[in-house]
């Protein structure tokens, strides 16, 4: 399982709202995440949150989630990556799946156990571009 979040506030790559990351988030651990992308190779901007991109946070969206890098858990059998890449709503906007290799030095994350979605708040010392081990074009 994940280690609890330190009480000392680490330095994050983006400006975060108050009380963010949330108390139920945890330190990242060694695993692979999927990030949907529009470019190959990815750039640092490919890992920015909606907040950093200047998108307005809707009233029904949590500001902390809006300020996270949205990723998904990569399951070993690859069924999830295949299913994700076939969703019309994702295919319309995204052309690539970036497979990120993360560890405890990446940041803080909150996993939705039902959907596999991961809100990722990246530490300023972590380079998400170099964490990409491979990229797959969405067909």
N, C-alpha and C. Protein backbone atom coordinates (compact mmCIF):
# COMPACT_ATOMS: atom_id res chain seq x y z
N UNK A 1 0.84 -1.18 0.00
CA UNK A 1 0.00 0.00 0.00
C UNK A 1 0.88 1.24 0.00
N UNK A 2 0.27 2.40 -0.04
CA UNK A 2 1.00 3.65 -0.10
C UNK A 2 1.36 4.15 1.29
N UNK A 3 2.45 4.92 1.33
CA UNK A 3 2.85 5.57 2.58
C UNK A 3 1.98 6.80 2.80
N UNK A 4 1.72 7.15 4.06
CA UNK A 4 0.92 8.36 4.31
C UNK A 4 1.68 9.61 3.87
N UNK A 5 0.94 10.65 3.55
CA UNK A 5 1.53 11.91 3.11
C UNK A 5 2.24 12.58 4.28
N UNK A 6 3.45 13.11 4.03
CA UNK A 6 4.18 13.84 5.06
C UNK A 6 3.42 15.09 5.45
N UNK A 7 3.57 15.50 6.70
CA UNK A 7 2.90 16.71 7.14
C UNK A 7 3.60 17.95 6.59
N UNK A 8 4.90 17.86 6.33
CA UNK A 8 5.61 18.98 5.72
C UNK A 8 5.21 19.07 4.25
N UNK A 9 4.86 20.26 3.79
CA UNK A 9 4.39 20.42 2.41
C UNK A 9 5.56 20.41 1.44
N UNK A 10 5.59 19.43 0.53
CA UNK A 10 6.66 19.38 -0.46
C UNK A 10 6.47 20.45 -1.54
N UNK A 11 7.46 20.64 -2.35
CA UNK A 11 7.40 21.60 -3.45
C UNK A 11 6.82 20.91 -4.68
N UNK A 12 5.70 21.40 -5.16
CA UNK A 12 5.04 20.80 -6.31
C UNK A 12 5.37 21.55 -7.59
N UNK A 13 5.21 20.88 -8.72
CA UNK A 13 5.51 21.46 -10.03
C UNK A 13 4.54 22.59 -10.39
N UNK A 14 3.33 22.55 -9.81
CA UNK A 14 2.31 23.56 -10.09
C UNK A 14 1.81 24.19 -8.80
N UNK A 15 1.26 25.38 -8.93
CA UNK A 15 0.60 26.03 -7.81
C UNK A 15 -0.68 25.27 -7.50
N UNK A 16 -0.86 24.87 -6.25
CA UNK A 16 -2.04 24.09 -5.88
C UNK A 16 -2.97 24.91 -4.98
N UNK A 17 -4.27 24.62 -5.05
CA UNK A 17 -5.20 25.31 -4.16
C UNK A 17 -5.00 24.88 -2.70
N UNK A 18 -5.61 25.60 -1.79
CA UNK A 18 -5.52 25.26 -0.37
C UNK A 18 -6.04 23.84 -0.14
N UNK A 19 -5.46 23.18 0.86
CA UNK A 19 -5.85 21.81 1.23
C UNK A 19 -5.67 20.81 0.09
N UNK A 20 -4.68 21.01 -0.72
CA UNK A 20 -4.41 20.14 -1.84
C UNK A 20 -2.92 19.77 -1.82
N UNK A 21 -2.59 18.51 -2.03
CA UNK A 21 -3.43 17.35 -2.23
C UNK A 21 -4.31 17.06 -1.01
N UNK A 22 -5.41 16.34 -1.23
CA UNK A 22 -6.33 16.06 -0.13
C UNK A 22 -5.71 15.09 0.89
N UNK A 23 -6.28 15.06 2.07
CA UNK A 23 -5.76 14.22 3.16
C UNK A 23 -5.80 12.74 2.83
N UNK A 24 -6.70 12.31 1.95
CA UNK A 24 -6.78 10.89 1.61
C UNK A 24 -5.89 10.49 0.43
N UNK A 25 -5.05 11.40 -0.03
CA UNK A 25 -4.06 11.08 -1.06
C UNK A 25 -2.83 10.46 -0.40
N UNK A 26 -1.99 9.82 -1.19
CA UNK A 26 -0.81 9.13 -0.65
C UNK A 26 0.40 9.37 -1.53
N UNK A 27 1.58 9.11 -0.99
CA UNK A 27 2.80 9.19 -1.78
C UNK A 27 2.72 8.18 -2.92
N UNK A 28 3.33 8.54 -4.02
CA UNK A 28 3.39 7.62 -5.14
C UNK A 28 4.28 6.43 -4.79
N UNK A 29 4.08 5.35 -5.49
CA UNK A 29 4.89 4.15 -5.33
C UNK A 29 5.28 3.65 -6.71
N UNK A 30 6.19 2.70 -6.73
CA UNK A 30 6.69 2.19 -8.00
C UNK A 30 5.56 1.47 -8.75
N UNK A 31 5.25 1.98 -9.94
CA UNK A 31 4.20 1.42 -10.79
C UNK A 31 4.24 2.13 -12.14
N UNK A 32 3.38 1.70 -13.03
CA UNK A 32 3.27 2.35 -14.33
C UNK A 32 1.89 2.98 -14.45
N UNK A 33 1.87 4.22 -14.93
CA UNK A 33 0.62 4.94 -15.17
C UNK A 33 0.49 5.25 -16.65
N UNK A 34 -0.75 5.44 -17.09
CA UNK A 34 -1.03 5.86 -18.46
C UNK A 34 -1.43 7.32 -18.48
N UNK A 35 -0.85 8.07 -19.37
CA UNK A 35 -1.24 9.46 -19.58
C UNK A 35 -1.66 9.60 -21.03
N UNK A 36 -2.86 10.10 -21.25
CA UNK A 36 -3.32 10.36 -22.61
C UNK A 36 -2.61 11.60 -23.13
N UNK A 37 -2.16 11.55 -24.39
CA UNK A 37 -1.41 12.67 -24.93
C UNK A 37 -1.76 13.00 -26.37
N UNK A 38 -1.33 14.18 -26.76
CA UNK A 38 -1.57 14.66 -28.13
C UNK A 38 -0.29 14.70 -28.96
N UNK A 39 0.87 14.52 -28.29
CA UNK A 39 2.15 14.62 -29.00
C UNK A 39 3.04 13.43 -28.69
N UNK A 40 3.87 13.09 -29.66
CA UNK A 40 4.92 12.11 -29.47
C UNK A 40 6.14 12.61 -30.20
N UNK A 41 7.22 12.87 -29.50
CA UNK A 41 7.41 12.64 -28.07
C UNK A 41 6.66 13.68 -27.24
N UNK A 42 6.35 13.32 -25.99
CA UNK A 42 5.65 14.26 -25.12
C UNK A 42 6.55 15.41 -24.69
N UNK A 43 5.92 16.52 -24.35
CA UNK A 43 6.63 17.69 -23.83
C UNK A 43 6.20 17.91 -22.38
N UNK A 44 6.87 18.76 -21.63
CA UNK A 44 6.42 19.04 -20.25
C UNK A 44 4.97 19.52 -20.19
N UNK A 45 4.52 20.25 -21.19
CA UNK A 45 3.15 20.75 -21.22
C UNK A 45 2.12 19.62 -21.31
N UNK A 46 2.53 18.48 -21.82
CA UNK A 46 1.63 17.32 -21.93
C UNK A 46 1.21 16.79 -20.56
N UNK A 47 1.91 17.19 -19.51
CA UNK A 47 1.63 16.69 -18.16
C UNK A 47 1.04 17.75 -17.25
N UNK A 48 0.70 18.90 -17.82
CA UNK A 48 0.10 19.97 -17.03
C UNK A 48 -1.36 19.66 -16.70
N UNK A 49 -1.81 20.18 -15.59
CA UNK A 49 -3.21 20.04 -15.19
C UNK A 49 -4.07 21.01 -16.01
N UNK A 50 -5.39 20.80 -15.94
CA UNK A 50 -6.30 21.75 -16.58
C UNK A 50 -6.12 23.14 -16.00
N UNK A 51 -5.86 23.21 -14.71
CA UNK A 51 -5.64 24.49 -14.04
C UNK A 51 -4.44 25.22 -14.64
N UNK A 52 -3.33 24.51 -14.81
CA UNK A 52 -2.11 25.11 -15.37
C UNK A 52 -2.32 25.53 -16.82
N UNK A 53 -3.20 24.83 -17.52
CA UNK A 53 -3.49 25.17 -18.92
C UNK A 53 -4.46 26.36 -19.03
N UNK A 54 -4.94 26.84 -17.87
CA UNK A 54 -5.82 28.00 -17.86
C UNK A 54 -7.29 27.69 -18.08
N UNK A 55 -7.67 26.43 -18.01
CA UNK A 55 -9.07 26.06 -18.17
C UNK A 55 -9.85 26.40 -16.91
N UNK A 56 -11.06 26.85 -17.08
CA UNK A 56 -11.92 27.21 -15.96
C UNK A 56 -12.37 25.95 -15.23
N UNK A 57 -12.38 26.03 -13.92
CA UNK A 57 -12.84 24.93 -13.09
C UNK A 57 -14.35 25.06 -12.92
N UNK A 58 -15.09 24.07 -13.41
CA UNK A 58 -16.55 24.07 -13.29
C UNK A 58 -16.95 23.98 -11.82
N UNK A 59 -18.17 24.42 -11.53
CA UNK A 59 -18.68 24.39 -10.16
C UNK A 59 -18.76 22.98 -9.60
N UNK A 60 -18.98 21.99 -10.46
CA UNK A 60 -19.11 20.62 -9.99
C UNK A 60 -17.78 19.85 -9.97
N UNK A 61 -16.67 20.54 -10.24
CA UNK A 61 -15.35 19.92 -10.24
C UNK A 61 -14.57 20.36 -9.02
N UNK A 62 -13.92 19.42 -8.37
CA UNK A 62 -13.07 19.73 -7.22
C UNK A 62 -11.84 20.49 -7.69
N UNK A 63 -11.54 21.67 -7.12
CA UNK A 63 -10.38 22.46 -7.55
C UNK A 63 -9.05 21.71 -7.41
N UNK A 64 -8.97 20.83 -6.43
CA UNK A 64 -7.75 20.05 -6.25
C UNK A 64 -7.56 19.05 -7.39
N UNK A 65 -8.64 18.37 -7.77
CA UNK A 65 -8.57 17.44 -8.90
C UNK A 65 -8.27 18.20 -10.19
N UNK A 66 -8.84 19.39 -10.33
CA UNK A 66 -8.61 20.24 -11.50
C UNK A 66 -7.13 20.61 -11.63
N UNK A 67 -6.42 20.63 -10.50
CA UNK A 67 -5.01 20.99 -10.47
C UNK A 67 -4.08 19.77 -10.50
N UNK A 68 -4.63 18.60 -10.84
CA UNK A 68 -3.80 17.40 -10.89
C UNK A 68 -3.53 16.98 -12.33
N UNK A 69 -2.49 16.18 -12.50
CA UNK A 69 -2.20 15.54 -13.78
C UNK A 69 -3.06 14.27 -13.81
N UNK A 70 -3.97 14.20 -14.75
CA UNK A 70 -4.91 13.08 -14.83
C UNK A 70 -4.26 11.89 -15.53
N UNK A 71 -4.19 10.76 -14.82
CA UNK A 71 -3.58 9.55 -15.36
C UNK A 71 -4.47 8.35 -15.03
N UNK A 72 -4.05 7.20 -15.49
CA UNK A 72 -4.76 5.95 -15.21
C UNK A 72 -3.76 4.88 -14.83
N UNK A 73 -4.20 3.94 -14.01
CA UNK A 73 -3.36 2.81 -13.65
C UNK A 73 -3.18 1.93 -14.88
N UNK A 74 -1.97 1.45 -15.10
CA UNK A 74 -1.73 0.50 -16.19
C UNK A 74 -1.71 -0.90 -15.59
N UNK A 75 -2.66 -1.70 -16.03
CA UNK A 75 -2.75 -3.07 -15.56
C UNK A 75 -1.92 -3.97 -16.47
N UNK A 76 -1.29 -4.96 -15.89
CA UNK A 76 -0.37 -5.83 -16.62
C UNK A 76 -0.98 -6.50 -17.84
N UNK A 77 -2.25 -6.86 -17.79
CA UNK A 77 -2.84 -7.59 -18.92
C UNK A 77 -3.15 -6.68 -20.12
N UNK A 78 -3.02 -5.37 -19.96
CA UNK A 78 -3.15 -4.39 -21.03
C UNK A 78 -4.58 -4.21 -21.55
N UNK A 79 -5.54 -4.93 -21.00
CA UNK A 79 -6.93 -4.78 -21.44
C UNK A 79 -7.43 -3.36 -21.24
N UNK A 80 -7.06 -2.77 -20.12
CA UNK A 80 -7.54 -1.42 -19.81
C UNK A 80 -6.99 -0.41 -20.82
N UNK A 81 -5.71 -0.51 -21.14
CA UNK A 81 -5.11 0.41 -22.12
C UNK A 81 -5.79 0.26 -23.48
N UNK A 82 -6.08 -0.97 -23.86
CA UNK A 82 -6.77 -1.20 -25.13
C UNK A 82 -8.17 -0.59 -25.11
N UNK A 83 -8.92 -0.82 -24.03
CA UNK A 83 -10.28 -0.28 -23.91
C UNK A 83 -10.26 1.24 -23.91
N UNK A 84 -9.33 1.81 -23.15
CA UNK A 84 -9.22 3.27 -23.06
C UNK A 84 -8.94 3.87 -24.43
N UNK A 85 -8.06 3.23 -25.18
CA UNK A 85 -7.68 3.77 -26.49
C UNK A 85 -8.80 3.66 -27.52
N UNK A 86 -9.84 2.87 -27.23
CA UNK A 86 -10.96 2.73 -28.17
C UNK A 86 -12.15 3.64 -27.86
N UNK A 87 -12.12 4.32 -26.74
CA UNK A 87 -13.24 5.19 -26.39
C UNK A 87 -13.30 6.38 -27.34
N UNK A 88 -14.43 6.59 -28.01
CA UNK A 88 -14.53 7.69 -28.98
C UNK A 88 -14.22 9.06 -28.38
N UNK A 89 -14.64 9.28 -27.14
CA UNK A 89 -14.40 10.60 -26.53
C UNK A 89 -12.90 10.86 -26.34
N UNK A 90 -12.12 9.81 -26.07
CA UNK A 90 -10.67 9.98 -25.93
C UNK A 90 -9.99 10.05 -27.30
N UNK A 91 -10.44 9.23 -28.23
CA UNK A 91 -9.84 9.21 -29.56
C UNK A 91 -9.99 10.55 -30.27
N UNK A 92 -11.06 11.26 -29.96
CA UNK A 92 -11.31 12.56 -30.59
C UNK A 92 -10.23 13.58 -30.20
N UNK A 93 -9.78 13.55 -28.95
CA UNK A 93 -8.86 14.56 -28.45
C UNK A 93 -7.42 14.08 -28.31
N UNK A 94 -7.23 12.80 -28.11
CA UNK A 94 -5.90 12.28 -27.82
C UNK A 94 -5.46 11.28 -28.88
N UNK A 95 -4.18 11.31 -29.19
CA UNK A 95 -3.63 10.43 -30.22
C UNK A 95 -2.67 9.38 -29.66
N UNK A 96 -2.23 9.58 -28.40
CA UNK A 96 -1.20 8.69 -27.85
C UNK A 96 -1.49 8.28 -26.41
N UNK A 97 -1.00 7.10 -26.05
CA UNK A 97 -0.94 6.65 -24.67
C UNK A 97 0.52 6.68 -24.26
N UNK A 98 0.85 7.46 -23.24
CA UNK A 98 2.21 7.51 -22.72
C UNK A 98 2.27 6.65 -21.46
N UNK A 99 3.20 5.72 -21.42
CA UNK A 99 3.36 4.82 -20.29
C UNK A 99 4.43 5.40 -19.37
N UNK A 100 4.00 5.95 -18.24
CA UNK A 100 4.90 6.62 -17.29
C UNK A 100 5.35 5.63 -16.21
N UNK A 101 6.65 5.61 -15.95
CA UNK A 101 7.20 4.82 -14.86
C UNK A 101 7.42 5.75 -13.67
N UNK A 102 6.69 5.52 -12.59
CA UNK A 102 6.80 6.40 -11.44
C UNK A 102 7.31 5.63 -10.23
N UNK A 103 7.71 6.39 -9.21
CA UNK A 103 8.15 5.80 -7.94
C UNK A 103 7.82 6.77 -6.81
N UNK A 104 8.38 6.52 -5.63
CA UNK A 104 8.05 7.34 -4.46
C UNK A 104 8.55 8.78 -4.56
N UNK A 105 9.38 9.10 -5.53
CA UNK A 105 9.90 10.46 -5.70
C UNK A 105 9.09 11.27 -6.72
N UNK A 106 8.00 10.69 -7.22
CA UNK A 106 7.20 11.34 -8.26
C UNK A 106 6.29 12.43 -7.71
N UNK A 107 5.57 12.11 -6.63
CA UNK A 107 4.62 13.08 -6.09
C UNK A 107 3.61 12.43 -5.17
N UNK A 108 2.42 12.96 -5.20
CA UNK A 108 1.31 12.48 -4.38
C UNK A 108 0.18 12.08 -5.34
N UNK A 109 -0.52 10.98 -5.02
CA UNK A 109 -1.58 10.53 -5.91
C UNK A 109 -2.81 10.09 -5.14
N UNK A 110 -3.92 10.14 -5.85
CA UNK A 110 -5.19 9.63 -5.31
C UNK A 110 -5.80 8.74 -6.37
N UNK A 111 -5.99 7.48 -6.02
CA UNK A 111 -6.50 6.48 -6.97
C UNK A 111 -7.99 6.26 -6.75
N UNK A 112 -8.74 6.30 -7.84
CA UNK A 112 -10.14 5.91 -7.80
C UNK A 112 -10.16 4.40 -8.05
N UNK A 113 -10.45 3.63 -7.03
CA UNK A 113 -10.40 2.17 -7.11
C UNK A 113 -11.43 1.59 -8.09
N UNK A 114 -12.47 2.35 -8.41
CA UNK A 114 -13.51 1.84 -9.30
C UNK A 114 -13.20 2.07 -10.77
N UNK A 115 -12.55 3.19 -11.08
CA UNK A 115 -12.30 3.54 -12.48
C UNK A 115 -10.85 3.38 -12.91
N UNK A 116 -9.92 3.28 -11.95
CA UNK A 116 -8.51 3.23 -12.29
C UNK A 116 -7.92 4.60 -12.57
N UNK A 117 -8.74 5.66 -12.42
CA UNK A 117 -8.24 7.02 -12.63
C UNK A 117 -7.34 7.42 -11.46
N UNK A 118 -6.27 8.15 -11.78
CA UNK A 118 -5.33 8.60 -10.76
C UNK A 118 -5.13 10.11 -10.90
N UNK A 119 -5.43 10.85 -9.83
CA UNK A 119 -5.06 12.26 -9.76
C UNK A 119 -3.63 12.28 -9.26
N UNK A 120 -2.74 12.92 -10.01
CA UNK A 120 -1.32 12.94 -9.70
C UNK A 120 -0.85 14.37 -9.52
N UNK A 121 -0.32 14.68 -8.33
CA UNK A 121 0.26 15.99 -8.06
C UNK A 121 1.76 15.79 -8.05
N UNK A 122 2.43 16.31 -9.07
CA UNK A 122 3.84 16.03 -9.35
C UNK A 122 4.75 16.96 -8.55
N UNK A 123 5.80 16.36 -7.95
CA UNK A 123 6.82 17.16 -7.27
C UNK A 123 7.63 17.96 -8.30
N UNK A 124 8.13 19.11 -7.90
CA UNK A 124 8.91 19.97 -8.80
C UNK A 124 10.22 19.30 -9.23
N UNK A 125 10.69 18.33 -8.48
CA UNK A 125 11.96 17.65 -8.79
C UNK A 125 11.78 16.49 -9.77
N UNK A 126 10.53 16.17 -10.11
CA UNK A 126 10.26 15.03 -10.99
C UNK A 126 10.09 15.49 -12.43
N UNK A 127 10.72 14.78 -13.37
CA UNK A 127 10.60 15.10 -14.79
C UNK A 127 9.67 14.08 -15.45
N UNK A 128 8.41 14.45 -15.69
CA UNK A 128 7.47 13.48 -16.26
C UNK A 128 7.84 13.02 -17.67
N UNK A 129 8.49 13.88 -18.45
CA UNK A 129 8.86 13.51 -19.81
C UNK A 129 9.84 12.33 -19.79
N UNK A 130 10.84 12.39 -18.93
CA UNK A 130 11.82 11.31 -18.89
C UNK A 130 11.26 10.05 -18.23
N UNK A 131 10.11 10.16 -17.58
CA UNK A 131 9.49 8.98 -16.97
C UNK A 131 8.76 8.11 -17.99
N UNK A 132 8.54 8.63 -19.19
CA UNK A 132 7.81 7.88 -20.20
C UNK A 132 8.72 6.80 -20.78
N UNK A 133 8.35 5.55 -20.52
CA UNK A 133 9.14 4.43 -21.01
C UNK A 133 8.78 4.04 -22.42
N UNK A 134 7.50 4.24 -22.78
CA UNK A 134 7.06 3.94 -24.14
C UNK A 134 5.78 4.72 -24.44
N UNK A 135 5.48 4.80 -25.72
CA UNK A 135 4.29 5.50 -26.17
C UNK A 135 3.62 4.64 -27.23
N UNK A 136 2.30 4.61 -27.20
CA UNK A 136 1.53 3.85 -28.19
C UNK A 136 0.56 4.79 -28.87
N UNK A 137 0.51 4.71 -30.19
CA UNK A 137 -0.45 5.52 -30.96
C UNK A 137 -1.83 4.90 -30.78
N UNK A 138 -2.83 5.75 -30.56
CA UNK A 138 -4.22 5.30 -30.47
C UNK A 138 -4.74 5.19 -31.90
N UNK A 139 -5.25 4.04 -32.24
CA UNK A 139 -5.73 3.82 -33.62
C UNK A 139 -7.20 4.08 -33.74
